[in-house]
Structures are given as structure tokens and as C-alpha cells.
Amino acid sequence: MGIHIPLGFDPQLQLEAEIPDERDLHAEIVAILAALEALAAELRTAGEPGAQRP
């Protein structure tokens, strides 16, 4: 028994394949922050006295 490692297996390449591209990650973070800012603005508007709900 033991661990079977296929010929040509490169753990570093496998690791790199699993790490998302930094640009993709940055774009996702920017999108999440924009969504949070929109939600915060919506909540502020909803919390104002006299504000009506749609």
C-alpha cells in the first residue's frame, strides 16, 4: 500500500490550478463591496423617518 502518485504529477501545478487569479479575486471583492454599499444606502433610506416602502 502507499500513496499512488501518477507519473507527471506536479503538486505545485496542482496548487496553482486551485488558487484563483488575483485579478478575478479583486473583481469579486470590488463587486461585493459595491453590493454592500448599495445595501447600506438602502438600509439608511429605509431607516429615515417618513420613508415609504415600495
N, C-alpha and C. Protein backbone atom coordinates (compact mmCIF):
# COMPACT_ATOMS: atom_id res chain seq x y z
N MET A 1 0.84 -1.18 0.00
CA MET A 1 0.00 0.00 0.00
C MET A 1 0.88 1.23 0.00
N GLY A 2 0.28 2.35 -0.02
CA GLY A 2 1.00 3.60 -0.06
C GLY A 2 0.26 4.59 -0.93
N ILE A 3 0.83 5.72 -1.05
CA ILE A 3 0.20 6.76 -1.85
C ILE A 3 0.63 6.59 -3.29
N HIS A 4 -0.34 6.55 -4.17
CA HIS A 4 -0.04 6.42 -5.60
C HIS A 4 0.02 7.81 -6.21
N ILE A 5 1.18 8.17 -6.72
CA ILE A 5 1.34 9.47 -7.38
C ILE A 5 1.51 9.20 -8.87
N PRO A 6 0.58 9.69 -9.69
CA PRO A 6 0.68 9.44 -11.13
C PRO A 6 1.95 10.06 -11.71
N LEU A 7 2.48 9.44 -12.74
CA LEU A 7 3.66 9.98 -13.41
C LEU A 7 3.32 11.35 -13.99
N GLY A 8 4.21 12.27 -13.84
CA GLY A 8 3.99 13.61 -14.37
C GLY A 8 3.19 14.50 -13.44
N PHE A 9 2.85 14.01 -12.26
CA PHE A 9 2.08 14.82 -11.31
C PHE A 9 3.00 15.85 -10.69
N ASP A 10 2.61 17.09 -10.75
CA ASP A 10 3.39 18.17 -10.15
C ASP A 10 2.52 18.88 -9.12
N PRO A 11 2.79 18.66 -7.82
CA PRO A 11 1.94 19.27 -6.79
C PRO A 11 1.88 20.79 -6.89
N GLN A 12 2.95 21.43 -7.34
CA GLN A 12 2.96 22.89 -7.46
C GLN A 12 1.98 23.34 -8.54
N LEU A 13 1.94 22.63 -9.66
CA LEU A 13 0.99 22.98 -10.71
C LEU A 13 -0.44 22.77 -10.23
N GLN A 14 -0.66 21.71 -9.48
CA GLN A 14 -1.99 21.43 -8.95
C GLN A 14 -2.41 22.55 -8.00
N LEU A 15 -1.49 22.99 -7.16
CA LEU A 15 -1.77 24.07 -6.21
C LEU A 15 -2.10 25.36 -6.96
N GLU A 16 -1.31 25.66 -8.00
CA GLU A 16 -1.55 26.87 -8.78
C GLU A 16 -2.90 26.82 -9.47
N ALA A 17 -3.33 25.64 -9.87
CA ALA A 17 -4.61 25.50 -10.55
C ALA A 17 -5.77 25.77 -9.59
N GLU A 18 -5.55 25.54 -8.29
CA GLU A 18 -6.61 25.72 -7.31
C GLU A 18 -6.68 27.15 -6.76
N ILE A 19 -5.62 27.93 -6.96
CA ILE A 19 -5.59 29.30 -6.45
C ILE A 19 -6.21 30.22 -7.50
N PRO A 20 -7.26 30.98 -7.13
CA PRO A 20 -7.88 31.86 -8.12
C PRO A 20 -6.93 32.97 -8.54
N ASP A 21 -7.11 33.43 -9.75
CA ASP A 21 -6.30 34.52 -10.28
C ASP A 21 -6.57 35.76 -9.42
N GLU A 22 -5.53 36.50 -9.09
CA GLU A 22 -5.68 37.67 -8.22
C GLU A 22 -6.60 38.71 -8.84
N ARG A 23 -6.58 38.84 -10.17
CA ARG A 23 -7.47 39.82 -10.81
C ARG A 23 -8.92 39.43 -10.64
N ASP A 24 -9.21 38.11 -10.76
CA ASP A 24 -10.58 37.64 -10.56
C ASP A 24 -11.01 37.89 -9.12
N LEU A 25 -10.10 37.62 -8.20
CA LEU A 25 -10.39 37.81 -6.78
C LEU A 25 -10.65 39.29 -6.49
N HIS A 26 -9.83 40.16 -7.07
CA HIS A 26 -10.01 41.60 -6.87
C HIS A 26 -11.35 42.05 -7.42
N ALA A 27 -11.72 41.57 -8.60
CA ALA A 27 -13.01 41.94 -9.20
C ALA A 27 -14.17 41.48 -8.32
N GLU A 28 -14.05 40.29 -7.75
CA GLU A 28 -15.11 39.78 -6.88
C GLU A 28 -15.22 40.63 -5.61
N ILE A 29 -14.09 41.01 -5.04
CA ILE A 29 -14.10 41.83 -3.83
C ILE A 29 -14.73 43.19 -4.12
N VAL A 30 -14.38 43.79 -5.26
CA VAL A 30 -14.95 45.09 -5.64
C VAL A 30 -16.46 44.97 -5.82
N ALA A 31 -16.91 43.89 -6.44
CA ALA A 31 -18.35 43.69 -6.65
C ALA A 31 -19.07 43.50 -5.31
N ILE A 32 -18.46 42.76 -4.40
CA ILE A 32 -19.07 42.55 -3.08
C ILE A 32 -19.15 43.87 -2.32
N LEU A 33 -18.08 44.66 -2.36
CA LEU A 33 -18.10 45.96 -1.67
C LEU A 33 -19.16 46.89 -2.26
N ALA A 34 -19.31 46.89 -3.57
CA ALA A 34 -20.33 47.73 -4.21
C ALA A 34 -21.72 47.28 -3.77
N ALA A 35 -21.94 45.97 -3.70
CA ALA A 35 -23.23 45.45 -3.26
C ALA A 35 -23.50 45.83 -1.80
N LEU A 36 -22.47 45.76 -0.97
CA LEU A 36 -22.64 46.14 0.44
C LEU A 36 -22.93 47.64 0.59
N GLU A 37 -22.27 48.46 -0.22
CA GLU A 37 -22.53 49.90 -0.17
C GLU A 37 -23.96 50.20 -0.60
N ALA A 38 -24.44 49.51 -1.64
CA ALA A 38 -25.82 49.70 -2.10
C ALA A 38 -26.81 49.26 -1.02
N LEU A 39 -26.51 48.15 -0.37
CA LEU A 39 -27.38 47.66 0.70
C LEU A 39 -27.39 48.64 1.87
N ALA A 40 -26.23 49.17 2.22
CA ALA A 40 -26.15 50.13 3.32
C ALA A 40 -26.96 51.39 2.99
N ALA A 41 -26.87 51.86 1.75
CA ALA A 41 -27.64 53.04 1.35
C ALA A 41 -29.13 52.75 1.41
N GLU A 42 -29.51 51.55 0.99
CA GLU A 42 -30.92 51.15 1.05
C GLU A 42 -31.41 51.10 2.49
N LEU A 43 -30.59 50.55 3.37
CA LEU A 43 -30.98 50.46 4.78
C LEU A 43 -31.07 51.84 5.43
N ARG A 44 -30.15 52.74 5.05
CA ARG A 44 -30.21 54.10 5.58
C ARG A 44 -31.50 54.78 5.13
N THR A 45 -31.86 54.61 3.87
CA THR A 45 -33.08 55.20 3.33
C THR A 45 -34.30 54.62 4.02
N ALA A 46 -34.30 53.32 4.25
CA ALA A 46 -35.43 52.66 4.90
C ALA A 46 -35.57 53.10 6.35
N GLY A 47 -34.46 53.50 6.97
CA GLY A 47 -34.50 53.89 8.37
C GLY A 47 -34.86 55.34 8.59
N GLU A 48 -34.93 56.13 7.51
CA GLU A 48 -35.26 57.54 7.65
C GLU A 48 -36.73 57.71 8.01
N PRO A 49 -37.03 58.64 8.91
CA PRO A 49 -38.44 58.88 9.24
C PRO A 49 -39.19 59.41 8.02
N GLY A 50 -40.37 58.90 7.82
CA GLY A 50 -41.19 59.34 6.70
C GLY A 50 -40.90 58.62 5.40
N ALA A 51 -39.91 57.73 5.41
CA ALA A 51 -39.61 56.98 4.19
C ALA A 51 -40.68 55.93 3.97
N GLN A 52 -41.10 55.80 2.73
CA GLN A 52 -42.13 54.81 2.41
C GLN A 52 -41.50 53.62 1.74
N ARG A 53 -42.06 52.47 2.02
CA ARG A 53 -41.56 51.25 1.39
C ARG A 53 -42.25 51.07 0.05
N PRO A 54 -41.54 50.58 -0.93
CA PRO A 54 -42.17 50.36 -2.24
C PRO A 54 -43.20 49.26 -2.21
